[in-house]
């Protein structure tokens, strides 16, 4: 009984000390989100941006609630070109997920995107598939080219430039010629 009371007193003292001295207890994921920008000279990195210029150009097709700057930035930039550390096993999807959490950008997807699972990006910054017409949705390109595979299946390399772009015309308005037209 005395051992239990002593243990409880020590535990309470440790918790109080942690609170008083500002010890932050956080998950591994939170730690890495906090240190996304710790780019060192020897780091493998990629740059990523998120743009919705085509939605601006097709504003009349959007729901009026989405036509405000809160959802549709006036310059079309949701995320300016930003450098991120490339970690072992990163896919374009995992980088987007990490960046969206870090930058507090609304982001929704289907699937898991982990352990060989696929992921489909439904919406970023409240712009979803079909928000700007029946052929609209999010696409990505790497080094100026659309890879033609899902974002959870593409594993970028050091120095790659990843661009997420919103299309209102099945990619034709953002330079994707997958249909050969």
Protein backbone atom coordinates (compact mmCIF):
# COMPACT_ATOMS: atom_id res chain seq x y z
CA UNK A 1 0.00 0.00 0.00
CA UNK A 2 2.79 2.44 0.91
CA UNK A 3 4.60 1.55 -2.35
CA UNK A 4 1.47 2.39 -4.35
CA UNK A 5 1.10 5.77 -2.64
CA UNK A 6 4.79 6.53 -3.12
CA UNK A 7 4.56 5.61 -6.81
CA UNK A 8 1.48 7.81 -7.24
CA UNK A 9 3.20 10.77 -5.54
CA UNK A 10 6.27 10.39 -7.77
CA UNK A 11 4.10 10.14 -10.88
CA UNK A 12 2.19 13.30 -9.95
CA UNK A 13 5.48 15.12 -9.27
CA UNK A 14 6.84 14.12 -12.69
CA UNK A 15 3.66 15.29 -14.45
CA UNK A 16 3.72 18.62 -12.60
CA UNK A 17 7.42 19.10 -13.40
CA UNK A 18 6.74 18.37 -17.07
CA UNK A 19 3.94 20.94 -17.14
CA UNK A 20 5.93 23.58 -15.26
CA UNK A 21 9.10 23.22 -17.31
CA UNK A 22 7.26 23.05 -20.62
CA UNK A 23 8.14 19.56 -21.72
CA UNK A 24 6.22 18.88 -24.90
CA UNK A 25 4.98 15.37 -25.42
CA UNK A 26 4.16 14.74 -29.06
CA UNK A 27 3.83 11.90 -31.50
CA UNK A 28 6.56 11.06 -34.01
CA UNK A 29 4.31 12.34 -36.80
CA UNK A 30 3.82 15.69 -35.04
CA UNK A 31 7.57 15.99 -34.46
CA UNK A 32 8.31 15.46 -38.16
CA UNK A 33 5.53 17.84 -39.22
CA UNK A 34 7.13 20.47 -37.02
CA UNK A 35 10.52 19.82 -38.61
CA UNK A 36 9.45 19.72 -42.27
CA UNK A 37 11.54 22.74 -43.09
CA UNK A 38 14.74 21.44 -41.48
CA UNK A 39 16.44 21.22 -44.85
CA UNK A 40 20.16 20.54 -44.47
CA UNK A 41 22.80 20.85 -47.22
CA UNK A 42 22.88 17.06 -47.63
CA UNK A 43 19.09 16.58 -47.54
CA UNK A 44 17.29 14.97 -50.44
CA UNK A 45 14.51 17.40 -51.31
CA UNK A 46 11.63 18.07 -53.66
CA UNK A 47 9.61 21.20 -54.26
CA UNK A 48 5.83 21.21 -54.31
CA UNK A 49 3.16 23.73 -55.21
CA UNK A 50 -0.64 23.67 -55.36
CA UNK A 51 -2.50 25.88 -57.84
CA UNK A 52 -6.09 26.38 -58.92
CA UNK A 53 -5.73 28.97 -61.72
CA UNK A 54 -8.22 27.18 -63.95
CA UNK A 55 -10.93 27.45 -61.31
CA UNK A 56 -10.38 31.22 -61.33
CA UNK A 57 -10.74 31.24 -65.10
CA UNK A 58 -13.97 29.22 -64.81
CA UNK A 59 -15.37 30.95 -61.73
CA UNK A 60 -18.90 31.00 -63.20
CA UNK A 61 -19.00 27.17 -63.03
CA UNK A 62 -18.29 27.14 -59.29
CA UNK A 63 -20.86 27.10 -56.54
CA UNK A 64 -21.20 30.75 -55.35
CA UNK A 65 -20.06 29.71 -51.86
CA UNK A 66 -16.69 28.63 -53.32
CA UNK A 67 -16.12 31.90 -55.17
CA UNK A 68 -14.75 33.72 -52.12
CA UNK A 69 -11.04 34.22 -51.37
CA UNK A 70 -11.42 31.92 -48.38
CA UNK A 71 -11.75 29.00 -50.80
CA UNK A 72 -10.42 30.40 -54.06
CA UNK A 73 -7.21 32.43 -53.65
CA UNK A 74 -7.22 35.51 -55.88
CA UNK A 75 -3.83 34.57 -57.35
CA UNK A 76 -4.71 30.87 -57.73
CA UNK A 77 -1.94 29.79 -55.35
CA UNK A 78 -3.02 27.41 -52.58
CA UNK A 79 0.61 26.52 -51.72
CA UNK A 80 3.52 28.51 -53.10
CA UNK A 81 6.50 26.50 -54.32
CA UNK A 82 7.97 25.06 -51.12
CA UNK A 83 10.93 22.76 -50.51
CA UNK A 84 10.35 19.58 -48.50
CA UNK A 85 12.73 16.90 -47.29
CA UNK A 86 12.29 13.65 -49.20
CA UNK A 87 12.14 10.69 -46.83
CA UNK A 88 12.61 7.02 -47.61
CA UNK A 89 9.44 5.61 -49.18
CA UNK A 90 7.78 8.97 -49.81
CA UNK A 91 5.20 9.04 -52.59
CA UNK A 92 3.70 12.14 -54.16
CA UNK A 93 0.63 11.39 -52.04
CA UNK A 94 2.51 11.14 -48.72
CA UNK A 95 4.30 14.41 -49.48
CA UNK A 96 0.98 16.13 -50.24
CA UNK A 97 -0.56 14.73 -47.07
CA UNK A 98 2.38 15.93 -44.95
CA UNK A 99 2.45 19.36 -46.59
CA UNK A 100 -1.33 19.82 -46.20
CA UNK A 101 -1.12 18.99 -42.49
CA UNK A 102 1.88 21.25 -41.98
CA UNK A 103 0.40 24.18 -43.90
CA UNK A 104 -3.13 23.58 -42.51
CA UNK A 105 -4.64 23.15 -45.97
CA UNK A 106 -7.95 21.31 -46.12
CA UNK A 107 -7.38 17.98 -47.85
CA UNK A 108 -9.60 14.96 -48.47
CA UNK A 109 -8.90 11.65 -50.17
CA UNK A 110 -10.21 8.12 -50.66
CA UNK A 111 -8.11 5.05 -49.92
CA UNK A 112 -5.08 4.68 -47.71
CA UNK A 113 -2.07 5.50 -49.84
CA UNK A 114 0.02 3.44 -47.43
CA UNK A 115 1.59 -0.01 -47.59
CA UNK A 116 0.84 -0.46 -51.27
CA UNK A 117 -2.70 0.94 -51.02
CA UNK A 118 -3.94 3.49 -53.48
CA UNK A 119 -5.19 6.97 -52.72
CA UNK A 120 -7.36 9.30 -54.76
CA UNK A 121 -7.29 13.02 -53.98
CA UNK A 122 -10.89 14.19 -53.83
CA UNK A 123 -10.36 17.76 -52.70
CA UNK A 124 -7.78 20.34 -51.69
CA UNK A 125 -8.70 23.70 -50.15
CA UNK A 126 -12.41 22.87 -50.55
CA UNK A 127 -12.12 22.43 -54.32
CA UNK A 128 -13.31 18.94 -55.16
CA UNK A 129 -13.72 16.74 -58.17
CA UNK A 130 -16.69 18.18 -60.11
CA UNK A 131 -16.63 21.50 -58.17
CA UNK A 132 -15.98 23.27 -61.49
CA UNK A 133 -17.93 21.09 -63.88
CA UNK A 134 -18.17 17.40 -64.81
CA UNK A 135 -14.55 17.18 -66.05
CA UNK A 136 -12.88 18.94 -63.11
CA UNK A 137 -10.55 17.61 -60.44
CA UNK A 138 -7.01 17.59 -59.06
CA UNK A 139 -4.03 16.32 -61.05
CA UNK A 140 -0.30 16.32 -60.45
CA UNK A 141 2.75 16.60 -62.61
CA UNK A 142 6.39 15.92 -61.87
CA UNK A 143 9.07 17.93 -63.66
CA UNK A 144 6.42 19.27 -66.03
CA UNK A 145 4.98 15.88 -67.03
CA UNK A 146 1.86 14.02 -65.93
CA UNK A 147 3.12 10.56 -64.85
CA UNK A 148 -0.06 8.62 -65.68
CA UNK A 149 -0.03 6.69 -62.38
CA UNK A 150 -1.77 7.37 -59.10
CA UNK A 151 -0.13 9.79 -56.68
CA UNK A 152 0.40 7.03 -54.10
CA UNK A 153 2.21 4.96 -56.73
CA UNK A 154 4.70 7.59 -57.86
CA UNK A 155 7.90 7.87 -55.81
CA UNK A 156 9.72 11.12 -56.53
CA UNK A 157 13.49 11.52 -56.60
CA UNK A 158 15.82 14.15 -55.20
CA UNK A 159 15.29 17.48 -56.96
CA UNK A 160 11.89 16.69 -58.47
CA UNK A 161 9.37 19.49 -58.92
CA UNK A 162 5.84 18.40 -57.97
CA UNK A 163 2.91 20.55 -59.02
CA UNK A 164 -0.69 19.90 -58.00
CA UNK A 165 -3.02 21.64 -60.46
CA UNK A 166 -6.78 21.87 -60.60
CA UNK A 167 -8.24 21.08 -64.01
CA UNK A 168 -11.70 22.06 -65.23
CA UNK A 169 -11.36 20.12 -68.51
CA UNK A 170 -9.98 16.64 -67.81
CA UNK A 171 -6.41 17.94 -67.93
CA UNK A 172 -6.55 19.68 -71.32
CA UNK A 173 -6.53 23.12 -69.68
CA UNK A 174 -3.37 22.33 -67.66
CA UNK A 175 -1.32 20.75 -70.44
CA UNK A 176 -2.13 17.05 -70.14
CA UNK A 177 -2.52 15.43 -73.53
CA UNK A 178 -3.17 11.88 -72.33
CA UNK A 179 -5.84 11.40 -74.99
CA UNK A 180 -3.44 12.52 -77.70
CA UNK A 181 -5.54 15.53 -78.63
